[in-house]
PDB file of all heavy atoms in Angstrom:
ATOM      1  N   PHE A   1      -3.954 -10.671  10.740  1.00  0.00           N
ATOM      2  CA  PHE A   1      -2.930 -10.019  10.014  1.00  0.00           C
ATOM      3  C   PHE A   1      -3.440  -9.097   8.976  1.00  0.00           C
ATOM      4  O   PHE A   1      -3.047  -7.911   8.800  1.00  0.00           O
ATOM      5  CB  PHE A   1      -2.033 -11.043   9.404  1.00  0.00           C
ATOM      6  CG  PHE A   1      -1.016 -10.503   8.308  1.00  0.00           C
ATOM      7  CD1 PHE A   1       0.084  -9.873   8.872  1.00  0.00           C
ATOM      8  CD2 PHE A   1      -1.191 -10.619   6.960  1.00  0.00           C
ATOM      9  CE1 PHE A   1       1.041  -9.263   7.944  1.00  0.00           C
ATOM     10  CE2 PHE A   1      -0.298 -10.094   6.117  1.00  0.00           C
ATOM     11  CZ  PHE A   1       0.776  -9.433   6.621  1.00  0.00           C
ATOM     12  N   LEU A   2      -4.528  -9.645   8.275  1.00  0.00           N
ATOM     13  CA  LEU A   2      -5.138  -8.796   7.146  1.00  0.00           C
ATOM     14  C   LEU A   2      -5.767  -7.558   7.603  1.00  0.00           C
ATOM     15  O   LEU A   2      -5.702  -6.431   7.124  1.00  0.00           O
ATOM     16  CB  LEU A   2      -6.053  -9.609   6.307  1.00  0.00           C
ATOM     17  CG  LEU A   2      -5.437 -10.774   5.482  1.00  0.00           C
ATOM     18  CD1 LEU A   2      -6.540 -11.570   4.837  1.00  0.00           C
ATOM     19  CD2 LEU A   2      -4.462 -10.148   4.389  1.00  0.00           C
ATOM     20  N   LYS A   3      -6.413  -7.681   8.818  1.00  0.00           N
ATOM     21  CA  LYS A   3      -7.066  -6.562   9.454  1.00  0.00           C
ATOM     22  C   LYS A   3      -6.066  -5.524   9.861  1.00  0.00           C
ATOM     23  O   LYS A   3      -6.287  -4.277   9.633  1.00  0.00           O
ATOM     24  CB  LYS A   3      -7.887  -6.981  10.587  1.00  0.00           C
ATOM     25  CG  LYS A   3      -9.197  -7.742  10.305  1.00  0.00           C
ATOM     26  CD  LYS A   3      -9.913  -8.182  11.593  1.00  0.00           C
ATOM     27  CE  LYS A   3     -11.222  -8.866  11.093  1.00  0.00           C
ATOM     28  NZ  LYS A   3     -11.885  -9.367  12.311  1.00  0.00           N
ATOM     29  N   SER A   4      -4.941  -5.957  10.360  1.00  0.00           N
ATOM     30  CA  SER A   4      -3.773  -5.046  10.808  1.00  0.00           C
ATOM     31  C   SER A   4      -3.273  -4.367   9.619  1.00  0.00           C
ATOM     32  O   SER A   4      -3.045  -3.160   9.686  1.00  0.00           O
ATOM     33  CB  SER A   4      -2.728  -5.863  11.520  1.00  0.00           C
ATOM     34  OG  SER A   4      -3.254  -6.532  12.669  1.00  0.00           O
ATOM     35  N   LEU A   5      -3.066  -5.045   8.565  1.00  0.00           N
ATOM     36  CA  LEU A   5      -2.504  -4.495   7.338  1.00  0.00           C
ATOM     37  C   LEU A   5      -3.479  -3.418   6.748  1.00  0.00           C
ATOM     38  O   LEU A   5      -3.032  -2.363   6.348  1.00  0.00           O
ATOM     39  CB  LEU A   5      -2.327  -5.592   6.279  1.00  0.00           C
ATOM     40  CG  LEU A   5      -1.417  -5.316   5.006  1.00  0.00           C
ATOM     41  CD1 LEU A   5       0.010  -5.020   5.559  1.00  0.00           C
ATOM     42  CD2 LEU A   5      -1.457  -6.417   4.035  1.00  0.00           C
ATOM     43  N   ALA A   6      -4.774  -3.696   6.791  1.00  0.00           N
ATOM     44  CA  ALA A   6      -5.775  -2.818   6.334  1.00  0.00           C
ATOM     45  C   ALA A   6      -5.823  -1.498   7.162  1.00  0.00           C
ATOM     46  O   ALA A   6      -5.856  -0.379   6.674  1.00  0.00           O
ATOM     47  CB  ALA A   6      -7.181  -3.376   6.416  1.00  0.00           C
ATOM     48  N   ALA A   7      -5.547  -1.667   8.542  1.00  0.00           N
ATOM     49  CA  ALA A   7      -5.501  -0.477   9.355  1.00  0.00           C
ATOM     50  C   ALA A   7      -4.315   0.347   9.102  1.00  0.00           C
ATOM     51  O   ALA A   7      -4.336   1.574   9.168  1.00  0.00           O
ATOM     52  CB  ALA A   7      -5.494  -0.978  10.873  1.00  0.00           C
ATOM     53  N   LEU A   8      -3.103  -0.316   8.764  1.00  0.00           N
ATOM     54  CA  LEU A   8      -1.900   0.462   8.496  1.00  0.00           C
ATOM     55  C   LEU A   8      -2.134   1.154   7.205  1.00  0.00           C
ATOM     56  O   LEU A   8      -1.727   2.361   7.064  1.00  0.00           O
ATOM     57  CB  LEU A   8      -0.756  -0.497   8.326  1.00  0.00           C
ATOM     58  CG  LEU A   8      -0.130  -1.064   9.664  1.00  0.00           C
ATOM     59  CD1 LEU A   8       0.808  -2.159   9.255  1.00  0.00           C
ATOM     60  CD2 LEU A   8       0.562   0.092  10.400  1.00  0.00           C
ATOM     61  N   ALA A   9      -2.788   0.535   6.235  1.00  0.00           N
ATOM     62  CA  ALA A   9      -3.066   1.241   5.032  1.00  0.00           C
ATOM     63  C   ALA A   9      -3.909   2.456   5.097  1.00  0.00           C
ATOM     64  O   ALA A   9      -3.670   3.505   4.475  1.00  0.00           O
ATOM     65  CB  ALA A   9      -3.725   0.344   3.994  1.00  0.00           C
ATOM     66  N   ALA A  10      -4.931   2.381   5.953  1.00  0.00           N
ATOM     67  CA  ALA A  10      -5.765   3.541   6.190  1.00  0.00           C
ATOM     68  C   ALA A  10      -5.011   4.687   6.913  1.00  0.00           C
ATOM     69  O   ALA A  10      -5.319   5.838   6.618  1.00  0.00           O
ATOM     70  CB  ALA A  10      -6.925   3.079   7.079  1.00  0.00           C
ATOM     71  N   ALA A  11      -4.118   4.283   7.709  1.00  0.00           N
ATOM     72  CA  ALA A  11      -3.277   5.338   8.346  1.00  0.00           C
ATOM     73  C   ALA A  11      -2.142   5.856   7.509  1.00  0.00           C
ATOM     74  O   ALA A  11      -1.462   6.821   7.920  1.00  0.00           O
ATOM     75  CB  ALA A  11      -2.716   4.683   9.708  1.00  0.00           C
ATOM     76  N   GLY A  12      -1.905   5.278   6.388  1.00  0.00           N
ATOM     77  CA  GLY A  12      -0.839   5.774   5.434  1.00  0.00           C
ATOM     78  C   GLY A  12       0.532   5.334   5.925  1.00  0.00           C
ATOM     79  O   GLY A  12       1.430   6.041   5.700  1.00  0.00           O
ATOM     80  N   VAL A  13       0.599   4.225   6.752  1.00  0.00           N
ATOM     81  CA  VAL A  13       1.918   3.976   7.265  1.00  0.00           C
ATOM     82  C   VAL A  13       2.385   2.571   6.759  1.00  0.00           C
ATOM     83  O   VAL A  13       3.102   1.795   7.512  1.00  0.00           O
ATOM     84  CB  VAL A  13       2.059   3.977   8.729  1.00  0.00           C
ATOM     85  CG1 VAL A  13       1.870   5.509   9.157  1.00  0.00           C
ATOM     86  CG2 VAL A  13       0.892   3.165   9.435  1.00  0.00           C
ATOM     87  N   LEU A  14       1.850   2.008   5.643  1.00  0.00           N
ATOM     88  CA  LEU A  14       2.288   0.786   5.201  1.00  0.00           C
ATOM     89  C   LEU A  14       3.787   0.725   4.858  1.00  0.00           C
ATOM     90  O   LEU A  14       4.328   1.693   4.405  1.00  0.00           O
ATOM     91  CB  LEU A  14       1.592   0.379   3.861  1.00  0.00           C
ATOM     92  CG  LEU A  14       0.216  -0.341   4.011  1.00  0.00           C
ATOM     93  CD1 LEU A  14      -0.494  -0.486   2.745  1.00  0.00           C
ATOM     94  CD2 LEU A  14       0.362  -1.685   4.635  1.00  0.00           C
ATOM     95  N   PRO A  15       4.497  -0.303   5.135  1.00  0.00           N
ATOM     96  CA  PRO A  15       5.817  -0.497   4.808  1.00  0.00           C
ATOM     97  C   PRO A  15       6.017  -0.384   3.260  1.00  0.00           C
ATOM     98  O   PRO A  15       5.112  -0.777   2.554  1.00  0.00           O
ATOM     99  CB  PRO A  15       6.289  -1.898   5.317  1.00  0.00           C
ATOM    100  CG  PRO A  15       5.039  -2.558   5.441  1.00  0.00           C
ATOM    101  CD  PRO A  15       3.952  -1.588   5.747  1.00  0.00           C
ATOM    102  N   SER A  16       7.197  -0.109   2.761  1.00  0.00           N
ATOM    103  CA  SER A  16       7.397   0.082   1.320  1.00  0.00           C
ATOM    104  C   SER A  16       7.063  -1.187   0.582  1.00  0.00           C
ATOM    105  O   SER A  16       6.704  -1.060  -0.613  1.00  0.00           O
ATOM    106  CB  SER A  16       8.887   0.496   1.063  1.00  0.00           C
ATOM    107  OG  SER A  16       9.764  -0.439   1.525  1.00  0.00           O
ATOM    108  N   THR A  17       7.349  -2.376   1.104  1.00  0.00           N
ATOM    109  CA  THR A  17       7.019  -3.604   0.379  1.00  0.00           C
ATOM    110  C   THR A  17       5.597  -3.684   0.016  1.00  0.00           C
ATOM    111  O   THR A  17       5.198  -4.489  -0.825  1.00  0.00           O
ATOM    112  CB  THR A  17       7.466  -4.865   1.166  1.00  0.00           C
ATOM    113  OG1 THR A  17       6.873  -4.724   2.512  1.00  0.00           O
ATOM    114  CG2 THR A  17       8.984  -4.870   1.308  1.00  0.00           C
ATOM    115  N   ALA A  18       4.701  -3.049   0.757  1.00  0.00           N
ATOM    116  CA  ALA A  18       3.289  -3.224   0.555  1.00  0.00           C
ATOM    117  C   ALA A  18       2.822  -2.440  -0.675  1.00  0.00           C
ATOM    118  O   ALA A  18       1.709  -2.578  -1.105  1.00  0.00           O
ATOM    119  CB  ALA A  18       2.434  -2.632   1.769  1.00  0.00           C
ATOM    120  N   PHE A  19       3.708  -1.606  -1.240  1.00  0.00           N
ATOM    121  CA  PHE A  19       3.390  -1.021  -2.485  1.00  0.00           C
ATOM    122  C   PHE A  19       3.542  -1.840  -3.698  1.00  0.00           C
ATOM    123  O   PHE A  19       3.374  -1.440  -4.882  1.00  0.00           O
ATOM    124  CB  PHE A  19       4.160   0.317  -2.600  1.00  0.00           C
ATOM    125  CG  PHE A  19       3.757   1.496  -1.716  1.00  0.00           C
ATOM    126  CD1 PHE A  19       4.127   1.493  -0.411  1.00  0.00           C
ATOM    127  CD2 PHE A  19       2.863   2.414  -2.164  1.00  0.00           C
ATOM    128  CE1 PHE A  19       3.708   2.527   0.455  1.00  0.00           C
ATOM    129  CE2 PHE A  19       2.430   3.391  -1.348  1.00  0.00           C
ATOM    130  CZ  PHE A  19       2.847   3.572  -0.076  1.00  0.00           C
ATOM    131  N   ALA A  20       4.179  -3.074  -3.520  1.00  0.00           N
ATOM    132  CA  ALA A  20       4.490  -3.898  -4.653  1.00  0.00           C
ATOM    133  C   ALA A  20       3.158  -4.332  -5.325  1.00  0.00           C
ATOM    134  O   ALA A  20       2.065  -4.279  -4.756  1.00  0.00           O
ATOM    135  CB  ALA A  20       5.173  -5.215  -4.013  1.00  0.00           C
ATOM    136  N   SER A  21       3.338  -4.651  -6.632  1.00  0.00           N
ATOM    137  CA  SER A  21       2.220  -5.039  -7.487  1.00  0.00           C
ATOM    138  C   SER A  21       1.137  -4.041  -7.541  1.00  0.00           C
ATOM    139  O   SER A  21      -0.072  -4.211  -7.515  1.00  0.00           O
ATOM    140  CB  SER A  21       1.611  -6.377  -6.905  1.00  0.00           C
ATOM    141  OG  SER A  21       2.423  -7.436  -6.969  1.00  0.00           O
ATOM    142  N   ALA A  22       1.649  -2.698  -7.701  1.00  0.00           N
ATOM    143  CA  ALA A  22       0.717  -1.621  -7.824  1.00  0.00           C
ATOM    144  C   ALA A  22       0.174  -1.416  -9.170  1.00  0.00           C
ATOM    145  O   ALA A  22       0.810  -1.977 -10.130  1.00  0.00           O
ATOM    146  CB  ALA A  22       1.461  -0.309  -7.328  1.00  0.00           C
ATOM    147  N   ASN A  23      -0.970  -0.665  -9.317  1.00  0.00           N
ATOM    148  CA  ASN A  23      -1.496  -0.361 -10.621  1.00  0.00           C
ATOM    149  C   ASN A  23      -0.998   1.125 -10.912  1.00  0.00           C
ATOM    150  O   ASN A  23      -1.570   2.068 -10.297  1.00  0.00           O
ATOM    151  CB  ASN A  23      -2.951  -0.412 -10.641  1.00  0.00           C
ATOM    152  CG  ASN A  23      -3.474  -1.842 -10.460  1.00  0.00           C
ATOM    153  OD1 ASN A  23      -3.090  -2.778 -11.152  1.00  0.00           O
ATOM    154  ND2 ASN A  23      -4.374  -2.041  -9.452  1.00  0.00           N
ATOM    155  N   LEU A  24       0.017   1.248 -11.690  1.00  0.00           N
ATOM    156  CA  LEU A  24       0.702   2.520 -11.891  1.00  0.00           C
ATOM    157  C   LEU A  24       0.187   3.374 -13.002  1.00  0.00           C
ATOM    158  O   LEU A  24      -0.411   2.762 -14.004  1.00  0.00           O
ATOM    159  CB  LEU A  24       2.167   2.285 -12.069  1.00  0.00           C
ATOM    160  CG  LEU A  24       2.908   1.646 -10.929  1.00  0.00           C
ATOM    161  CD1 LEU A  24       4.395   1.432 -11.267  1.00  0.00           C
ATOM    162  CD2 LEU A  24       2.837   2.376  -9.599  1.00  0.00           C
ATOM    163  N   LYS A  25       0.298   4.660 -12.895  1.00  0.00           N
ATOM    164  CA  LYS A  25      -0.103   5.542 -14.034  1.00  0.00           C
ATOM    165  C   LYS A  25       1.198   6.287 -14.424  1.00  0.00           C
ATOM    166  O   LYS A  25       1.940   6.887 -13.658  1.00  0.00           O
ATOM    167  CB  LYS A  25      -1.080   6.538 -13.560  1.00  0.00           C
ATOM    168  CG  LYS A  25      -2.550   5.959 -13.226  1.00  0.00           C
ATOM    169  CD  LYS A  25      -3.377   6.891 -12.593  1.00  0.00           C
ATOM    170  CE  LYS A  25      -3.055   7.112 -11.093  1.00  0.00           C
ATOM    171  NZ  LYS A  25      -4.065   7.906 -10.424  1.00  0.00           N
ATOM    172  N   MET A  26       1.526   6.325 -15.706  1.00  0.00           N
ATOM    173  CA  MET A  26       2.735   6.962 -16.207  1.00  0.00           C
ATOM    174  C   MET A  26       2.320   8.133 -17.145  1.00  0.00           C
ATOM    175  O   MET A  26       1.911   7.896 -18.242  1.00  0.00           O
ATOM    176  CB  MET A  26       3.550   5.846 -17.055  1.00  0.00           C
ATOM    177  CG  MET A  26       4.873   6.372 -17.501  1.00  0.00           C
ATOM    178  SD  MET A  26       6.205   6.232 -16.276  1.00  0.00           S
ATOM    179  CE  MET A  26       6.380   4.439 -16.180  1.00  0.00           C
ATOM    180  N   MET A  27       2.698   9.232 -16.684  1.00  0.00           N
ATOM    181  CA  MET A  27       2.561  10.440 -17.565  1.00  0.00           C
ATOM    182  C   MET A  27       3.842  10.560 -18.459  1.00  0.00           C
ATOM    183  O   MET A  27       4.934  10.610 -17.903  1.00  0.00           O
ATOM    184  CB  MET A  27       2.445  11.751 -16.654  1.00  0.00           C
ATOM    185  CG  MET A  27       2.631  13.033 -17.461  1.00  0.00           C
ATOM    186  SD  MET A  27       1.501  13.323 -18.811  1.00  0.00           S
ATOM    187  CE  MET A  27       0.020  13.597 -17.899  1.00  0.00           C
ATOM    188  N   ILE A  28       3.581  10.607 -19.687  1.00  0.00           N
ATOM    189  CA  ILE A  28       4.590  10.813 -20.710  1.00  0.00           C
ATOM    190  C   ILE A  28       4.370  12.208 -21.304  1.00  0.00           C
ATOM    191  O   ILE A  28       3.447  12.322 -22.236  1.00  0.00           O
ATOM    192  CB  ILE A  28       4.644   9.674 -21.791  1.00  0.00           C
ATOM    193  CG1 ILE A  28       4.838   8.369 -21.212  1.00  0.00           C
ATOM    194  CG2 ILE A  28       5.698   9.974 -22.735  1.00  0.00           C
ATOM    195  CD1 ILE A  28       4.722   7.125 -22.056  1.00  0.00           C
TER     196      ILE A  28
END
């Protein structure tokens, strides 16, 4: 499963839930 998830990430097609717990940058 983790290998599949990594492959999806490399292809840029991760589902939106995979963006959870991101390290965000906020321009003010």
